[in-house]
Amino acid sequence: MTKDLFQLSELLPGLTVSVKLSDLLQANRQLLAETIDTISSPAGNKDTSATASYITREQMMSDFGISATTLWRWDKAGYLVPCKLGTKVLYKADEVLKVMEVKRRRNNDENR
């Protein structure tokens, strides 16, 4: 008989469960992969707009020529709010495009 872990925790709040570390790590990897797949797929996003996708930190640095230090400063300043999944850092594509547009406009204004 298979029970949902949440149901078991409600039915038996004092239950102690022993799990092999390798099984726990495997379950964690599977959950993380499923979560990333859900976020990466357009159907899995709560935001149904066409631009509701995510960009990794590495993609940001390569696609826009931004350094890791700049991303760190933008995170601290609140320009971009990262979504962290385990060790993965993701940014909403529409937010990235907005910030890049503001930066482009400022650069154009300074060059006039």
N, C-alpha and C. Protein backbone atom coordinates (compact mmCIF):
# COMPACT_ATOMS: atom_id res chain seq x y z
N MET A 1 0.84 -1.17 0.00
CA MET A 1 0.00 0.00 0.00
C MET A 1 0.88 1.24 0.00
N THR A 2 0.67 2.14 -0.96
CA THR A 2 1.45 3.36 -1.08
C THR A 2 0.64 4.53 -0.55
N LYS A 3 1.27 5.31 0.30
CA LYS A 3 0.62 6.49 0.87
C LYS A 3 1.45 7.72 0.54
N ASP A 4 0.81 8.81 0.36
CA ASP A 4 1.47 10.08 0.18
C ASP A 4 2.18 10.45 1.49
N LEU A 5 3.38 10.99 1.40
CA LEU A 5 4.14 11.35 2.60
C LEU A 5 3.41 12.38 3.45
N PHE A 6 2.71 13.29 2.81
CA PHE A 6 1.97 14.29 3.56
C PHE A 6 0.82 13.65 4.34
N GLN A 7 0.16 12.67 3.73
CA GLN A 7 -0.91 11.96 4.43
C GLN A 7 -0.35 11.21 5.63
N LEU A 8 0.79 10.54 5.43
CA LEU A 8 1.41 9.83 6.54
C LEU A 8 1.79 10.77 7.68
N SER A 9 2.32 11.95 7.34
CA SER A 9 2.72 12.89 8.39
C SER A 9 1.52 13.38 9.18
N GLU A 10 0.36 13.48 8.52
CA GLU A 10 -0.85 13.90 9.22
C GLU A 10 -1.42 12.76 10.06
N LEU A 11 -1.39 11.54 9.52
CA LEU A 11 -1.94 10.40 10.25
C LEU A 11 -1.05 9.97 11.40
N LEU A 12 0.27 10.03 11.18
CA LEU A 12 1.21 9.56 12.19
C LEU A 12 2.29 10.62 12.42
N PRO A 13 1.96 11.69 13.15
CA PRO A 13 2.90 12.79 13.30
C PRO A 13 4.20 12.42 14.01
N GLY A 14 4.21 11.40 14.82
CA GLY A 14 5.41 11.00 15.56
C GLY A 14 6.21 9.90 14.87
N LEU A 15 5.83 9.52 13.67
CA LEU A 15 6.48 8.42 12.95
C LEU A 15 7.92 8.77 12.59
N THR A 16 8.83 7.84 12.88
CA THR A 16 10.23 8.00 12.51
C THR A 16 10.50 7.06 11.34
N VAL A 17 11.15 7.60 10.31
CA VAL A 17 11.42 6.83 9.10
C VAL A 17 12.93 6.78 8.88
N SER A 18 13.44 5.59 8.59
CA SER A 18 14.86 5.43 8.26
C SER A 18 14.99 5.29 6.76
N VAL A 19 15.89 6.10 6.18
CA VAL A 19 16.10 6.09 4.74
C VAL A 19 17.59 6.03 4.48
N LYS A 20 17.98 5.19 3.51
CA LYS A 20 19.38 5.16 3.13
C LYS A 20 19.74 6.49 2.49
N LEU A 21 20.94 6.97 2.75
CA LEU A 21 21.38 8.24 2.20
C LEU A 21 21.34 8.23 0.68
N SER A 22 21.71 7.14 0.06
CA SER A 22 21.69 7.06 -1.41
C SER A 22 20.27 7.21 -1.94
N ASP A 23 19.28 6.63 -1.24
CA ASP A 23 17.88 6.77 -1.66
C ASP A 23 17.40 8.22 -1.50
N LEU A 24 17.81 8.85 -0.42
CA LEU A 24 17.43 10.24 -0.18
C LEU A 24 18.03 11.16 -1.24
N LEU A 25 19.29 10.94 -1.58
CA LEU A 25 19.93 11.74 -2.62
C LEU A 25 19.27 11.53 -3.98
N GLN A 26 18.92 10.30 -4.29
CA GLN A 26 18.26 10.00 -5.56
C GLN A 26 16.89 10.69 -5.62
N ALA A 27 16.15 10.63 -4.54
CA ALA A 27 14.84 11.28 -4.50
C ALA A 27 14.99 12.80 -4.65
N ASN A 28 16.00 13.35 -4.02
CA ASN A 28 16.25 14.79 -4.12
C ASN A 28 16.59 15.18 -5.55
N ARG A 29 17.44 14.42 -6.22
CA ARG A 29 17.81 14.70 -7.61
C ARG A 29 16.59 14.63 -8.53
N GLN A 30 15.76 13.63 -8.30
CA GLN A 30 14.56 13.46 -9.12
C GLN A 30 13.60 14.64 -8.91
N LEU A 31 13.40 15.04 -7.67
CA LEU A 31 12.52 16.16 -7.36
C LEU A 31 13.05 17.45 -7.98
N LEU A 32 14.35 17.67 -7.88
CA LEU A 32 14.95 18.86 -8.47
C LEU A 32 14.79 18.86 -9.99
N ALA A 33 15.03 17.73 -10.63
CA ALA A 33 14.88 17.64 -12.09
C ALA A 33 13.44 17.90 -12.51
N GLU A 34 12.48 17.34 -11.78
CA GLU A 34 11.07 17.57 -12.09
C GLU A 34 10.69 19.04 -11.90
N THR A 35 11.22 19.66 -10.87
CA THR A 35 10.93 21.07 -10.60
C THR A 35 11.49 21.95 -11.70
N ILE A 36 12.72 21.69 -12.12
CA ILE A 36 13.33 22.47 -13.20
C ILE A 36 12.55 22.27 -14.49
N ASP A 37 12.14 21.03 -14.79
CA ASP A 37 11.34 20.77 -15.98
C ASP A 37 10.02 21.54 -15.94
N THR A 38 9.40 21.57 -14.77
CA THR A 38 8.12 22.27 -14.62
C THR A 38 8.29 23.76 -14.85
N ILE A 39 9.33 24.33 -14.28
CA ILE A 39 9.57 25.76 -14.44
C ILE A 39 9.98 26.08 -15.86
N SER A 40 10.76 25.23 -16.48
CA SER A 40 11.26 25.48 -17.84
C SER A 40 10.19 25.33 -18.90
N SER A 41 9.18 24.51 -18.65
CA SER A 41 8.14 24.30 -19.66
C SER A 41 7.09 25.40 -19.58
N PRO A 42 6.68 25.94 -20.72
CA PRO A 42 5.68 27.00 -20.70
C PRO A 42 4.38 26.59 -20.01
N ALA A 43 3.97 25.34 -20.15
CA ALA A 43 2.72 24.88 -19.54
C ALA A 43 2.83 24.83 -18.02
N GLY A 44 4.05 24.69 -17.49
CA GLY A 44 4.24 24.60 -16.05
C GLY A 44 4.29 25.92 -15.34
N ASN A 45 4.44 27.00 -16.06
CA ASN A 45 4.53 28.32 -15.45
C ASN A 45 3.16 28.84 -15.07
N LYS A 46 3.08 29.48 -13.92
CA LYS A 46 1.83 30.10 -13.50
C LYS A 46 1.53 31.31 -14.37
N ASP A 47 2.60 32.01 -14.76
CA ASP A 47 2.47 33.18 -15.63
C ASP A 47 2.29 32.67 -17.05
N THR A 48 1.17 32.96 -17.65
CA THR A 48 0.86 32.38 -18.96
C THR A 48 1.24 33.28 -20.11
N SER A 49 1.93 34.39 -19.85
CA SER A 49 2.35 35.25 -20.95
C SER A 49 3.39 34.53 -21.81
N ALA A 50 3.52 34.98 -23.04
CA ALA A 50 4.42 34.33 -23.99
C ALA A 50 5.87 34.42 -23.56
N THR A 51 6.21 35.42 -22.75
CA THR A 51 7.60 35.60 -22.35
C THR A 51 7.91 34.97 -21.00
N ALA A 52 7.01 34.20 -20.45
CA ALA A 52 7.20 33.62 -19.13
C ALA A 52 8.13 32.42 -19.20
N SER A 53 9.42 32.71 -19.36
CA SER A 53 10.42 31.66 -19.33
C SER A 53 11.55 32.14 -18.44
N TYR A 54 12.51 31.28 -18.19
CA TYR A 54 13.59 31.60 -17.29
C TYR A 54 14.93 31.48 -17.99
N ILE A 55 15.88 32.30 -17.54
CA ILE A 55 17.23 32.32 -18.09
C ILE A 55 18.18 31.98 -16.95
N THR A 56 19.12 31.09 -17.21
CA THR A 56 20.10 30.75 -16.18
C THR A 56 21.12 31.86 -16.03
N ARG A 57 21.82 31.83 -14.94
CA ARG A 57 22.88 32.80 -14.66
C ARG A 57 23.94 32.76 -15.77
N GLU A 58 24.29 31.54 -16.18
CA GLU A 58 25.30 31.36 -17.22
C GLU A 58 24.83 31.94 -18.56
N GLN A 59 23.55 31.73 -18.89
CA GLN A 59 23.00 32.30 -20.13
C GLN A 59 23.04 33.82 -20.08
N MET A 60 22.72 34.39 -18.93
CA MET A 60 22.75 35.84 -18.78
C MET A 60 24.15 36.38 -19.07
N MET A 61 25.15 35.72 -18.49
CA MET A 61 26.52 36.20 -18.66
C MET A 61 26.97 36.08 -20.11
N SER A 62 26.64 34.97 -20.77
CA SER A 62 27.10 34.79 -22.15
C SER A 62 26.26 35.59 -23.16
N ASP A 63 24.94 35.59 -23.02
CA ASP A 63 24.08 36.26 -23.99
C ASP A 63 24.17 37.78 -23.93
N PHE A 64 24.35 38.33 -22.73
CA PHE A 64 24.33 39.77 -22.58
C PHE A 64 25.70 40.36 -22.23
N GLY A 65 26.71 39.51 -22.13
CA GLY A 65 28.05 40.00 -21.81
C GLY A 65 28.15 40.62 -20.44
N ILE A 66 27.46 40.03 -19.47
CA ILE A 66 27.41 40.55 -18.11
C ILE A 66 28.31 39.68 -17.24
N SER A 67 29.05 40.30 -16.36
CA SER A 67 29.92 39.53 -15.46
C SER A 67 29.13 39.02 -14.25
N ALA A 68 29.70 38.06 -13.57
CA ALA A 68 29.08 37.53 -12.35
C ALA A 68 28.98 38.62 -11.29
N THR A 69 29.96 39.52 -11.26
CA THR A 69 29.93 40.64 -10.30
C THR A 69 28.76 41.57 -10.58
N THR A 70 28.51 41.84 -11.85
CA THR A 70 27.38 42.71 -12.21
C THR A 70 26.07 42.06 -11.79
N LEU A 71 25.92 40.78 -12.05
CA LEU A 71 24.69 40.09 -11.62
C LEU A 71 24.53 40.14 -10.11
N TRP A 72 25.62 39.97 -9.39
CA TRP A 72 25.57 40.04 -7.93
C TRP A 72 25.11 41.43 -7.49
N ARG A 73 25.67 42.49 -8.12
CA ARG A 73 25.27 43.86 -7.77
C ARG A 73 23.80 44.10 -8.09
N TRP A 74 23.36 43.61 -9.25
CA TRP A 74 21.95 43.78 -9.63
C TRP A 74 21.03 43.05 -8.66
N ASP A 75 21.45 41.85 -8.21
CA ASP A 75 20.66 41.12 -7.21
C ASP A 75 20.54 41.95 -5.93
N LYS A 76 21.66 42.49 -5.46
CA LYS A 76 21.68 43.27 -4.21
C LYS A 76 20.88 44.56 -4.34
N ALA A 77 20.94 45.18 -5.53
CA ALA A 77 20.22 46.44 -5.75
C ALA A 77 18.73 46.22 -6.00
N GLY A 78 18.34 44.97 -6.26
CA GLY A 78 16.94 44.67 -6.49
C GLY A 78 16.50 44.82 -7.93
N TYR A 79 17.46 45.01 -8.86
CA TYR A 79 17.09 45.10 -10.28
C TYR A 79 16.48 43.79 -10.76
N LEU A 80 17.09 42.70 -10.36
CA LEU A 80 16.60 41.37 -10.74
C LEU A 80 16.46 40.54 -9.48
N VAL A 81 15.40 39.76 -9.41
CA VAL A 81 15.20 38.87 -8.28
C VAL A 81 15.43 37.44 -8.78
N PRO A 82 16.49 36.80 -8.30
CA PRO A 82 16.77 35.45 -8.78
C PRO A 82 15.83 34.43 -8.16
N CYS A 83 15.58 33.39 -8.92
CA CYS A 83 14.81 32.24 -8.44
C CYS A 83 15.83 31.13 -8.26
N LYS A 84 15.99 30.63 -7.05
CA LYS A 84 17.02 29.63 -6.79
C LYS A 84 16.38 28.26 -6.62
N LEU A 85 16.91 27.30 -7.38
CA LEU A 85 16.50 25.91 -7.28
C LEU A 85 17.74 25.07 -7.00
N GLY A 86 17.93 24.71 -5.75
CA GLY A 86 19.15 24.01 -5.41
C GLY A 86 20.33 24.93 -5.68
N THR A 87 21.23 24.50 -6.55
CA THR A 87 22.38 25.32 -6.91
C THR A 87 22.13 26.15 -8.16
N LYS A 88 21.00 25.96 -8.81
CA LYS A 88 20.66 26.70 -10.04
C LYS A 88 20.11 28.07 -9.67
N VAL A 89 20.57 29.09 -10.41
CA VAL A 89 20.05 30.44 -10.26
C VAL A 89 19.39 30.81 -11.58
N LEU A 90 18.10 31.13 -11.51
CA LEU A 90 17.32 31.46 -12.71
C LEU A 90 16.74 32.86 -12.57
N TYR A 91 16.57 33.52 -13.73
CA TYR A 91 15.95 34.84 -13.77
C TYR A 91 14.79 34.79 -14.74
N LYS A 92 13.71 35.51 -14.44
CA LYS A 92 12.57 35.60 -15.36
C LYS A 92 13.00 36.38 -16.59
N ALA A 93 12.77 35.79 -17.75
CA ALA A 93 13.21 36.39 -19.01
C ALA A 93 12.61 37.78 -19.22
N ASP A 94 11.33 37.96 -18.90
CA ASP A 94 10.71 39.27 -19.12
C ASP A 94 11.32 40.34 -18.21
N GLU A 95 11.72 39.97 -16.98
CA GLU A 95 12.37 40.92 -16.09
C GLU A 95 13.76 41.28 -16.61
N VAL A 96 14.47 40.29 -17.14
CA VAL A 96 15.80 40.51 -17.71
C VAL A 96 15.70 41.49 -18.87
N LEU A 97 14.73 41.27 -19.74
CA LEU A 97 14.58 42.14 -20.91
C LEU A 97 14.26 43.58 -20.50
N LYS A 98 13.44 43.73 -19.45
CA LYS A 98 13.11 45.07 -18.96
C LYS A 98 14.36 45.79 -18.44
N VAL A 99 15.17 45.08 -17.65
CA VAL A 99 16.39 45.68 -17.10
C VAL A 99 17.35 46.03 -18.21
N MET A 100 17.50 45.14 -19.19
CA MET A 100 18.42 45.39 -20.30
C MET A 100 17.95 46.59 -21.13
N GLU A 101 16.65 46.76 -21.29
CA GLU A 101 16.12 47.89 -22.04
C GLU A 101 16.41 49.20 -21.30
N VAL A 102 16.22 49.21 -19.99
CA VAL A 102 16.52 50.40 -19.19
C VAL A 102 18.00 50.74 -19.29
N LYS A 103 18.85 49.72 -19.19
CA LYS A 103 20.29 49.95 -19.29
C LYS A 103 20.66 50.49 -20.68
N ARG A 104 20.03 49.96 -21.72
CA ARG A 104 20.31 50.41 -23.08
C ARG A 104 19.90 51.87 -23.26
N ARG A 105 18.73 52.23 -22.72
CA ARG A 105 18.26 53.62 -22.82
C ARG A 105 19.20 54.57 -22.11
N ARG A 106 19.66 54.17 -20.91
CA ARG A 106 20.59 55.02 -20.16
C ARG A 106 21.88 55.22 -20.94
N ASN A 107 22.39 54.16 -21.53
CA ASN A 107 23.62 54.26 -22.31
C ASN A 107 23.42 55.18 -23.51
N ASN A 108 22.27 55.07 -24.18
CA ASN A 108 21.98 55.94 -25.33
C ASN A 108 21.88 57.40 -24.89
N ASP A 109 21.25 57.66 -23.75
CA ASP A 109 21.10 59.02 -23.25
C ASP A 109 22.47 59.62 -22.88
N GLU A 110 23.35 58.80 -22.30
CA GLU A 110 24.68 59.26 -21.92
C GLU A 110 25.55 59.56 -23.13
N ASN A 111 25.33 58.86 -24.23
CA ASN A 111 26.13 59.03 -25.43
C ASN A 111 25.68 60.20 -26.29
N ARG A 112 24.59 60.86 -25.93
CA ARG A 112 24.07 61.98 -26.73
C ARG A 112 24.75 63.26 -26.37
